[in-house]
PDB file of N, CA and C in Angstrom:
ATOM      1  N   UNK A   1     227.460 154.111 293.217  1.00  0.00           N
ATOM      2  CA  UNK A   1     227.498 152.724 293.656  1.00  0.00           C
ATOM      3  C   UNK A   1     226.221 152.032 293.162  1.00  0.00           C
ATOM      4  N   UNK A   2     226.354 150.864 292.582  1.00  0.00           N
ATOM      5  CA  UNK A   2     225.152 150.135 292.142  1.00  0.00           C
ATOM      6  C   UNK A   2     224.465 149.421 293.303  1.00  0.00           C
ATOM      7  N   UNK A   3     223.177 149.201 293.119  1.00  0.00           N
ATOM      8  CA  UNK A   3     222.372 148.448 294.085  1.00  0.00           C
ATOM      9  C   UNK A   3     221.734 147.287 293.346  1.00  0.00           C
ATOM     10  N   UNK A   4     221.675 146.147 293.980  1.00  0.00           N
ATOM     11  CA  UNK A   4     221.079 144.951 293.391  1.00  0.00           C
ATOM     12  C   UNK A   4     219.822 144.609 294.186  1.00  0.00           C
ATOM     13  N   UNK A   5     218.688 144.676 293.511  1.00  0.00           N
ATOM     14  CA  UNK A   5     217.408 144.452 294.181  1.00  0.00           C
ATOM     15  C   UNK A   5     216.892 143.064 293.842  1.00  0.00           C
ATOM     16  N   UNK A   6     216.449 142.339 294.861  1.00  0.00           N
ATOM     17  CA  UNK A   6     215.885 141.001 294.676  1.00  0.00           C
ATOM     18  C   UNK A   6     214.437 141.028 295.148  1.00  0.00           C
ATOM     19  N   UNK A   7     213.528 140.788 294.197  1.00  0.00           N
ATOM     20  CA  UNK A   7     212.103 140.740 294.506  1.00  0.00           C
ATOM     21  C   UNK A   7     211.668 139.324 294.827  1.00  0.00           C
ATOM     22  N   UNK A   8     212.311 138.359 294.199  1.00  0.00           N
ATOM     23  CA  UNK A   8     211.996 136.951 294.440  1.00  0.00           C
ATOM     24  C   UNK A   8     213.306 136.175 294.450  1.00  0.00           C
ATOM     25  N   UNK A   9     213.602 135.544 295.578  1.00  0.00           N
ATOM     26  CA  UNK A   9     214.841 134.785 295.731  1.00  0.00           C
ATOM     27  C   UNK A   9     214.890 134.178 297.126  1.00  0.00           C
ATOM     28  N   UNK A  10     216.029 133.587 297.483  1.00  0.00           N
ATOM     29  CA  UNK A  10     216.168 133.012 298.827  1.00  0.00           C
ATOM     30  C   UNK A  10     215.997 134.092 299.888  1.00  0.00           C
ATOM     31  N   UNK A  11     216.589 135.241 299.631  1.00  0.00           N
ATOM     32  CA  UNK A  11     216.442 136.426 300.486  1.00  0.00           C
ATOM     33  C   UNK A  11     216.049 137.577 299.577  1.00  0.00           C
ATOM     34  N   UNK A  12     215.065 138.342 299.973  1.00  0.00           N
ATOM     35  CA  UNK A  12     214.694 139.522 299.195  1.00  0.00           C
ATOM     36  C   UNK A  12     215.277 140.758 299.855  1.00  0.00           C
ATOM     37  N   UNK A  13     215.418 141.799 299.068  1.00  0.00           N
ATOM     38  CA  UNK A  13     215.948 143.045 299.605  1.00  0.00           C
ATOM     39  C   UNK A  13     216.919 143.681 298.647  1.00  0.00           C
ATOM     40  N   UNK A  14     217.619 144.684 299.130  1.00  0.00           N
ATOM     41  CA  UNK A  14     218.595 145.422 298.334  1.00  0.00           C
ATOM     42  C   UNK A  14     219.989 145.058 298.832  1.00  0.00           C
ATOM     43  N   UNK A  15     220.858 144.718 297.905  1.00  0.00           N
ATOM     44  CA  UNK A  15     222.223 144.325 298.232  1.00  0.00           C
ATOM     45  C   UNK A  15     223.205 145.283 297.572  1.00  0.00           C
ATOM     46  N   UNK A  16     224.354 145.478 298.199  1.00  0.00           N
ATOM     47  CA  UNK A  16     225.349 146.399 297.668  1.00  0.00           C
ATOM     48  C   UNK A  16     226.418 145.712 296.823  1.00  0.00           C
ATOM     49  N   UNK A  17     226.468 144.381 296.854  1.00  0.00           N
ATOM     50  CA  UNK A  17     227.453 143.672 296.040  1.00  0.00           C
ATOM     51  C   UNK A  17     226.770 142.592 295.213  1.00  0.00           C
ATOM     52  N   UNK A  18     227.363 142.307 294.069  1.00  0.00           N
ATOM     53  CA  UNK A  18     226.815 141.258 293.219  1.00  0.00           C
ATOM     54  C   UNK A  18     226.898 139.897 293.915  1.00  0.00           C
ATOM     55  N   UNK A  19     227.946 139.655 294.677  1.00  0.00           N
ATOM     56  CA  UNK A  19     228.103 138.367 295.364  1.00  0.00           C
ATOM     57  C   UNK A  19     226.944 138.096 296.322  1.00  0.00           C
ATOM     58  N   UNK A  20     226.512 139.112 297.060  1.00  0.00           N
ATOM     59  CA  UNK A  20     225.366 138.943 297.960  1.00  0.00           C
ATOM     60  C   UNK A  20     224.092 138.649 297.173  1.00  0.00           C
ATOM     61  N   UNK A  21     223.909 139.371 296.099  1.00  0.00           N
ATOM     62  CA  UNK A  21     222.726 139.171 295.261  1.00  0.00           C
ATOM     63  C   UNK A  21     222.747 137.781 294.641  1.00  0.00           C
ATOM     64  N   UNK A  22     223.875 137.406 294.089  1.00  0.00           N
ATOM     65  CA  UNK A  22     223.996 136.103 293.425  1.00  0.00           C
ATOM     66  C   UNK A  22     223.713 134.962 294.394  1.00  0.00           C
ATOM     67  N   UNK A  23     224.140 135.094 295.628  1.00  0.00           N
ATOM     68  CA  UNK A  23     223.882 134.045 296.615  1.00  0.00           C
ATOM     69  C   UNK A  23     222.385 133.864 296.850  1.00  0.00           C
ATOM     70  N   UNK A  24     221.634 134.939 296.688  1.00  0.00           N
ATOM     71  CA  UNK A  24     220.191 134.887 296.906  1.00  0.00           C
ATOM     72  C   UNK A  24     219.429 134.328 295.707  1.00  0.00           C
ATOM     73  N   UNK A  25     219.947 134.517 294.495  1.00  0.00           N
ATOM     74  CA  UNK A  25     219.178 134.144 293.297  1.00  0.00           C
ATOM     75  C   UNK A  25     219.745 132.964 292.510  1.00  0.00           C
ATOM     76  N   UNK A  26     220.993 132.604 292.743  1.00  0.00           N
ATOM     77  CA  UNK A  26     221.619 131.524 291.979  1.00  0.00           C
ATOM     78  C   UNK A  26     220.864 130.205 292.180  1.00  0.00           C
ATOM     79  N   UNK A  27     220.461 129.607 291.082  1.00  0.00           N
ATOM     80  CA  UNK A  27     219.733 128.333 291.054  1.00  0.00           C
ATOM     81  C   UNK A  27     218.390 128.406 291.791  1.00  0.00           C
ATOM     82  N   UNK A  28     217.818 129.582 291.870  1.00  0.00           N
ATOM     83  CA  UNK A  28     216.492 129.764 292.461  1.00  0.00           C
ATOM     84  C   UNK A  28     215.508 129.933 291.301  1.00  0.00           C
ATOM     85  N   UNK A  29     214.610 128.975 291.145  1.00  0.00           N
ATOM     86  CA  UNK A  29     213.654 129.010 290.036  1.00  0.00           C
ATOM     87  C   UNK A  29     212.734 130.223 290.162  1.00  0.00           C
ATOM     88  N   UNK A  30     212.634 130.991 289.101  1.00  0.00           N
ATOM     89  CA  UNK A  30     211.749 132.152 289.081  1.00  0.00           C
ATOM     90  C   UNK A  30     212.300 133.376 289.790  1.00  0.00           C
ATOM     91  N   UNK A  31     213.607 133.430 289.978  1.00  0.00           N
ATOM     92  CA  UNK A  31     214.211 134.578 290.659  1.00  0.00           C
ATOM     93  C   UNK A  31     213.954 135.856 289.866  1.00  0.00           C
ATOM     94  N   UNK A  32     213.709 136.932 290.595  1.00  0.00           N
ATOM     95  CA  UNK A  32     213.518 138.254 289.983  1.00  0.00           C
ATOM     96  C   UNK A  32     214.484 139.211 290.651  1.00  0.00           C
ATOM     97  N   UNK A  33     215.406 139.756 289.857  1.00  0.00           N
ATOM     98  CA  UNK A  33     216.401 140.672 290.395  1.00  0.00           C
ATOM     99  C   UNK A  33     216.828 141.644 289.315  1.00  0.00           C
ATOM    100  N   UNK A  34     217.379 142.773 289.747  1.00  0.00           N
ATOM    101  CA  UNK A  34     217.777 143.810 288.796  1.00  0.00           C
ATOM    102  C   UNK A  34     218.773 144.750 289.459  1.00  0.00           C
ATOM    103  N   UNK A  35     219.640 145.337 288.646  1.00  0.00           N
ATOM    104  CA  UNK A  35     220.642 146.293 289.111  1.00  0.00           C
ATOM    105  C   UNK A  35     220.100 147.719 288.939  1.00  0.00           C
ATOM    106  N   UNK A  36     220.339 148.568 289.943  1.00  0.00           N
ATOM    107  CA  UNK A  36     219.870 149.948 289.906  1.00  0.00           C
ATOM    108  C   UNK A  36     220.987 150.908 290.270  1.00  0.00           C
ATOM    109  N   UNK A  37     220.847 152.145 289.817  1.00  0.00           N
ATOM    110  CA  UNK A  37     221.823 153.183 290.144  1.00  0.00           C
ATOM    111  C   UNK A  37     221.499 153.902 291.439  1.00  0.00           C
ATOM    112  N   UNK A  38     220.221 153.852 291.867  1.00  0.00           N
ATOM    113  CA  UNK A  38     219.890 154.543 293.117  1.00  0.00           C
ATOM    114  C   UNK A  38     219.025 153.657 294.012  1.00  0.00           C
ATOM    115  N   UNK A  39     219.112 153.939 295.286  1.00  0.00           N
ATOM    116  CA  UNK A  39     218.485 153.121 296.313  1.00  0.00           C
ATOM    117  C   UNK A  39     216.953 153.176 296.258  1.00  0.00           C
ATOM    118  N   UNK A  40     216.396 154.337 295.976  1.00  0.00           N
ATOM    119  CA  UNK A  40     214.933 154.474 295.947  1.00  0.00           C
ATOM    120  C   UNK A  40     214.320 153.570 294.877  1.00  0.00           C
ATOM    121  N   UNK A  41     214.918 153.521 293.695  1.00  0.00           N
ATOM    122  CA  UNK A  41     214.398 152.669 292.622  1.00  0.00           C
ATOM    123  C   UNK A  41     214.558 151.192 292.970  1.00  0.00           C
ATOM    124  N   UNK A  42     215.661 150.854 293.618  1.00  0.00           N
ATOM    125  CA  UNK A  42     215.884 149.458 294.018  1.00  0.00           C
ATOM    126  C   UNK A  42     214.837 149.025 295.043  1.00  0.00           C
ATOM    127  N   UNK A  43     214.536 149.879 296.000  1.00  0.00           N
ATOM    128  CA  UNK A  43     213.521 149.554 297.011  1.00  0.00           C
ATOM    129  C   UNK A  43     212.139 149.405 296.381  1.00  0.00           C
ATOM    130  N   UNK A  44     211.825 150.242 295.411  1.00  0.00           N
ATOM    131  CA  UNK A  44     210.541 150.148 294.712  1.00  0.00           C
ATOM    132  C   UNK A  44     210.431 148.782 294.028  1.00  0.00           C
ATOM    133  N   UNK A  45     211.506 148.337 293.377  1.00  0.00           N
ATOM    134  CA  UNK A  45     211.498 147.041 292.701  1.00  0.00           C
ATOM    135  C   UNK A  45     211.279 145.895 293.690  1.00  0.00           C
ATOM    136  N   UNK A  46     211.907 145.964 294.841  1.00  0.00           N
ATOM    137  CA  UNK A  46     211.737 144.908 295.849  1.00  0.00           C
ATOM    138  C   UNK A  46     210.273 144.826 296.265  1.00  0.00           C
ATOM    139  N   UNK A  47     209.636 145.964 296.482  1.00  0.00           N
ATOM    140  CA  UNK A  47     208.243 145.999 296.930  1.00  0.00           C
ATOM    141  C   UNK A  47     207.251 145.602 295.849  1.00  0.00           C
ATOM    142  N   UNK A  48     207.469 146.082 294.623  1.00  0.00           N
ATOM    143  CA  UNK A  48     206.460 145.950 293.573  1.00  0.00           C
ATOM    144  C   UNK A  48     206.806 144.955 292.460  1.00  0.00           C
ATOM    145  N   UNK A  49     208.037 144.518 292.401  1.00  0.00           N
ATOM    146  CA  UNK A  49     208.428 143.546 291.380  1.00  0.00           C
ATOM    147  C   UNK A  49     208.575 144.120 289.990  1.00  0.00           C
ATOM    148  N   UNK A  50     208.616 145.441 289.893  1.00  0.00           N
ATOM    149  CA  UNK A  50     208.804 146.098 288.603  1.00  0.00           C
ATOM    150  C   UNK A  50     209.476 147.442 288.847  1.00  0.00           C
ATOM    151  N   UNK A  51     210.028 148.001 287.787  1.00  0.00           N
ATOM    152  CA  UNK A  51     210.673 149.303 287.898  1.00  0.00           C
ATOM    153  C   UNK A  51     209.620 150.393 288.022  1.00  0.00           C
ATOM    154  N   UNK A  52     210.028 151.509 288.593  1.00  0.00           N
ATOM    155  CA  UNK A  52     209.130 152.658 288.718  1.00  0.00           C
ATOM    156  C   UNK A  52     208.725 153.118 287.325  1.00  0.00           C
ATOM    157  N   UNK A  53     207.460 153.457 287.143  1.00  0.00           N
ATOM    158  CA  UNK A  53     207.063 154.005 285.847  1.00  0.00           C
ATOM    159  C   UNK A  53     207.723 155.364 285.632  1.00  0.00           C
ATOM    160  N   UNK A  54     208.049 155.648 284.402  1.00  0.00           N
ATOM    161  CA  UNK A  54     208.638 156.944 284.101  1.00  0.00           C
ATOM    162  C   UNK A  54     207.580 158.021 284.268  1.00  0.00           C
ATOM    163  N   UNK A  55     208.000 159.144 284.796  1.00  0.00           N
ATOM    164  CA  UNK A  55     207.058 160.240 284.964  1.00  0.00           C
ATOM    165  C   UNK A  55     206.795 160.889 283.617  1.00  0.00           C
ATOM    166  N   UNK A  56     205.550 161.139 283.352  1.00  0.00           N
ATOM    167  CA  UNK A  56     205.166 161.777 282.107  1.00  0.00           C
ATOM    168  C   UNK A  56     205.487 163.265 282.208  1.00  0.00           C
ATOM    169  N   UNK A  57     206.171 163.755 281.210  1.00  0.00           N
ATOM    170  CA  UNK A  57     206.541 165.166 281.193  1.00  0.00           C
ATOM    171  C   UNK A  57     205.540 165.899 280.309  1.00  0.00           C
ATOM    172  N   UNK A  58     204.920 166.887 280.876  1.00  0.00           N
ATOM    173  CA  UNK A  58     203.953 167.676 280.124  1.00  0.00           C
ATOM    174  C   UNK A  58     204.571 169.030 279.842  1.00  0.00           C
ATOM    175  N   UNK A  59     204.537 169.410 278.580  1.00  0.00           N
ATOM    176  CA  UNK A  59     205.100 170.685 278.182  1.00  0.00           C
ATOM    177  C   UNK A  59     203.982 171.590 277.692  1.00  0.00           C
ATOM    178  N   UNK A  60     203.999 172.787 278.153  1.00  0.00           N
ATOM    179  CA  UNK A  60     203.011 173.772 277.712  1.00  0.00           C
ATOM    180  C   UNK A  60     203.724 174.827 276.878  1.00  0.00           C
ATOM    181  N   UNK A  61     203.123 175.135 275.757  1.00  0.00           N
ATOM    182  CA  UNK A  61     203.677 176.181 274.895  1.00  0.00           C
ATOM    183  C   UNK A  61     202.748 177.387 274.947  1.00  0.00           C
ATOM    184  N   UNK A  62     203.325 178.513 275.044  1.00  0.00           N
ATOM    185  CA  UNK A  62     202.535 179.738 275.046  1.00  0.00           C
ATOM    186  C   UNK A  62     202.470 180.269 273.623  1.00  0.00           C
ATOM    187  N   UNK A  63     201.298 180.469 273.147  1.00  0.00           N
ATOM    188  CA  UNK A  63     201.141 180.996 271.798  1.00  0.00           C
ATOM    189  C   UNK A  63     200.877 182.499 271.864  1.00  0.00           C
ATOM    190  N   UNK A  64     201.354 183.177 270.887  1.00  0.00           N
ATOM    191  CA  UNK A  64     201.175 184.633 270.876  1.00  0.00           C
ATOM    192  C   UNK A  64     200.233 185.026 269.783  1.00  0.00           C
TER     193      UNK A  64
END
């Protein structure tokens, strides 16, 4: 299920339908919103106004 996060709009928060999200951001100057696949990322966007940074993957190679 997709989640729609609104960081700046009439109402901020995470919405489960596009209609709810659109009602919050339609014709709102400077609206910030984005669609997410999981709730944790959507909540992060609402709080911080940006997506979570990708985790850096460190790989160690064993040499013989």
